[in-house]
Amino acid sequence: MTLTNEQTTTINSWLDAQWFGKAKCPAGHDSDWSVESNLSFVPGFILDEKGPRIAHESGYRFVVLTCGQCGYVAFLNTKTVGLGI
C-alpha cells in the first residue's frame, strides 16, 4: 500500500513527538531516517480446526524507516503511529 501525503504527515508528526533528538540506528549512525513510500505487511498465523495456516487477512502492517547512511530498516506498527490500519 502506497502512503498518501496525509499519512506521511501523520507518521512524521508522530516521529517528531516520540523520537527525541536523533535516533541512532543499531550500527551507531546518527542518521536521518527516511519514511519509505510503501507499508510493509507480515501475515498472521492461525491455528484452528483445520490446522496451522498463514492468514493474510489477519496480519500486521508496518511503517518502514530506513537509515540514510547504512540502509538499516526499522518497522513501526501502523496503529501505534496513528494510521489506524
C-alpha atoms as a PDB file:
ATOM      1  CA  MET A   1       0.000   0.000   0.000  1.00  0.00           C
ATOM      2  CA  THR A   2       1.396   3.357  -1.018  1.00  0.00           C
ATOM      3  CA  LEU A   3       1.207   6.079   1.623  1.00  0.00           C
ATOM      4  CA  THR A   4      -0.792   9.222   0.969  1.00  0.00           C
ATOM      5  CA  ASN A   5       0.628  12.666   1.748  1.00  0.00           C
ATOM      6  CA  GLU A   6      -1.691  12.851   4.768  1.00  0.00           C
ATOM      7  CA  GLN A   7      -0.443   9.504   6.105  1.00  0.00           C
ATOM      8  CA  THR A   8       3.178  10.553   5.630  1.00  0.00           C
ATOM      9  CA  THR A   9       2.462  13.774   7.551  1.00  0.00           C
ATOM     10  CA  THR A  10       0.863  11.724  10.364  1.00  0.00           C
ATOM     11  CA  ILE A  11       3.937   9.481  10.560  1.00  0.00           C
ATOM     12  CA  ASN A  12       6.361  12.400  10.574  1.00  0.00           C
ATOM     13  CA  SER A  13       4.350  14.186  13.287  1.00  0.00           C
ATOM     14  CA  TRP A  14       4.379  11.022  15.410  1.00  0.00           C
ATOM     15  CA  LEU A  15       8.137  10.625  14.937  1.00  0.00           C
ATOM     16  CA  ASP A  16       8.732  14.274  15.910  1.00  0.00           C
ATOM     17  CA  ALA A  17       6.691  13.764  19.098  1.00  0.00           C
ATOM     18  CA  GLN A  18       8.130  10.367  20.075  1.00  0.00           C
ATOM     19  CA  TRP A  19      11.741  10.236  18.874  1.00  0.00           C
ATOM     20  CA  PHE A  20      13.543  12.831  20.964  1.00  0.00           C
ATOM     21  CA  GLY A  21      16.691  14.131  19.345  1.00  0.00           C
ATOM     22  CA  LYS A  22      18.307  11.996  16.679  1.00  0.00           C
ATOM     23  CA  ALA A  23      17.512   8.300  16.939  1.00  0.00           C
ATOM     24  CA  LYS A  24      20.625   6.245  16.222  1.00  0.00           C
ATOM     25  CA  CYS A  25      20.434   3.111  14.161  1.00  0.00           C
ATOM     26  CA  PRO A  26      21.841  -0.091  15.747  1.00  0.00           C
ATOM     27  CA  ALA A  27      25.010   0.341  13.675  1.00  0.00           C
ATOM     28  CA  GLY A  28      25.599   3.615  15.567  1.00  0.00           C
ATOM     29  CA  HIS A  29      24.854   6.099  12.816  1.00  0.00           C
ATOM     30  CA  ASP A  30      23.428   9.432  13.878  1.00  0.00           C
ATOM     31  CA  SER A  31      21.342   9.377  10.765  1.00  0.00           C
ATOM     32  CA  ASP A  32      18.334  10.945   9.204  1.00  0.00           C
ATOM     33  CA  TRP A  33      15.676   8.276   8.847  1.00  0.00           C
ATOM     34  CA  SER A  34      13.555   8.220   5.719  1.00  0.00           C
ATOM     35  CA  VAL A  35       9.960   7.025   5.662  1.00  0.00           C
ATOM     36  CA  GLU A  36       9.503   4.609   2.778  1.00  0.00           C
ATOM     37  CA  SER A  37       6.565   5.329   0.458  1.00  0.00           C
ATOM     38  CA  ASN A  38       5.002   1.866   0.923  1.00  0.00           C
ATOM     39  CA  LEU A  39       3.916  -0.029   4.011  1.00  0.00           C
ATOM     40  CA  SER A  40       5.219  -3.474   4.880  1.00  0.00           C
ATOM     41  CA  PHE A  41       2.912  -6.376   5.728  1.00  0.00           C
ATOM     42  CA  VAL A  42       3.572  -9.518   7.759  1.00  0.00           C
ATOM     43  CA  PRO A  43       0.800 -12.128   7.575  1.00  0.00           C
ATOM     44  CA  GLY A  44      -0.615 -13.589  10.761  1.00  0.00           C
ATOM     45  CA  PHE A  45      -0.526 -17.220  11.810  1.00  0.00           C
ATOM     46  CA  ILE A  46      -3.704 -19.074  12.767  1.00  0.00           C
ATOM     47  CA  LEU A  47      -4.105 -22.453  14.393  1.00  0.00           C
ATOM     48  CA  ASP A  48      -7.683 -23.694  14.084  1.00  0.00           C
ATOM     49  CA  GLU A  49      -9.604 -26.939  13.493  1.00  0.00           C
ATOM     50  CA  LYS A  50      -8.075 -27.158  10.004  1.00  0.00           C
ATOM     51  CA  GLY A  51      -4.571 -26.923  11.435  1.00  0.00           C
ATOM     52  CA  PRO A  52      -1.949 -24.186  11.219  1.00  0.00           C
ATOM     53  CA  ARG A  53      -2.020 -21.742   8.351  1.00  0.00           C
ATOM     54  CA  ILE A  54      -0.724 -18.359   7.295  1.00  0.00           C
ATOM     55  CA  ALA A  55      -3.549 -15.838   7.464  1.00  0.00           C
ATOM     56  CA  HIS A  56      -3.134 -12.870   5.165  1.00  0.00           C
ATOM     57  CA  GLU A  57      -6.433 -11.439   6.415  1.00  0.00           C
ATOM     58  CA  SER A  58      -5.134 -11.070   9.974  1.00  0.00           C
ATOM     59  CA  GLY A  59      -1.587  -9.809   9.611  1.00  0.00           C
ATOM     60  CA  TYR A  60       0.240  -6.714  10.721  1.00  0.00           C
ATOM     61  CA  ARG A  61       1.087  -3.562   8.785  1.00  0.00           C
ATOM     62  CA  PHE A  62       4.232  -1.591   9.430  1.00  0.00           C
ATOM     63  CA  VAL A  63       5.725   1.768   8.527  1.00  0.00           C
ATOM     64  CA  VAL A  64       9.223   1.227   7.130  1.00  0.00           C
ATOM     65  CA  LEU A  65      12.022   3.576   8.208  1.00  0.00           C
ATOM     66  CA  THR A  66      15.450   3.371   6.587  1.00  0.00           C
ATOM     67  CA  CYS A  67      18.769   4.675   7.936  1.00  0.00           C
ATOM     68  CA  GLY A  68      20.155   7.184   5.434  1.00  0.00           C
ATOM     69  CA  GLN A  69      23.753   6.016   5.976  1.00  0.00           C
ATOM     70  CA  CYS A  70      23.733   2.216   6.070  1.00  0.00           C
ATOM     71  CA  GLY A  71      20.249   1.169   4.972  1.00  0.00           C
ATOM     72  CA  TYR A  72      19.241  -0.424   8.289  1.00  0.00           C
ATOM     73  CA  VAL A  73      15.471  -0.849   8.328  1.00  0.00           C
ATOM     74  CA  ALA A  74      13.157  -0.307  11.314  1.00  0.00           C
ATOM     75  CA  PHE A  75       9.459  -1.238  11.405  1.00  0.00           C
ATOM     76  CA  LEU A  76       6.798   0.717  13.332  1.00  0.00           C
ATOM     77  CA  ASN A  77       3.268  -0.566  13.876  1.00  0.00           C
ATOM     78  CA  THR A  78       0.806   1.468  11.779  1.00  0.00           C
ATOM     79  CA  LYS A  79      -1.767   1.604  14.589  1.00  0.00           C
ATOM     80  CA  THR A  80       0.791   2.899  17.078  1.00  0.00           C
ATOM     81  CA  VAL A  81       1.863   5.769  14.804  1.00  0.00           C
ATOM     82  CA  GLY A  82      -1.768   6.811  14.303  1.00  0.00           C
ATOM     83  CA  LEU A  83      -2.661   5.430  10.890  1.00  0.00           C
ATOM     84  CA  GLY A  84      -5.363   3.162  12.309  1.00  0.00           C
ATOM     85  CA  ILE A  85      -4.806   0.467   9.689  1.00  0.00           C
END
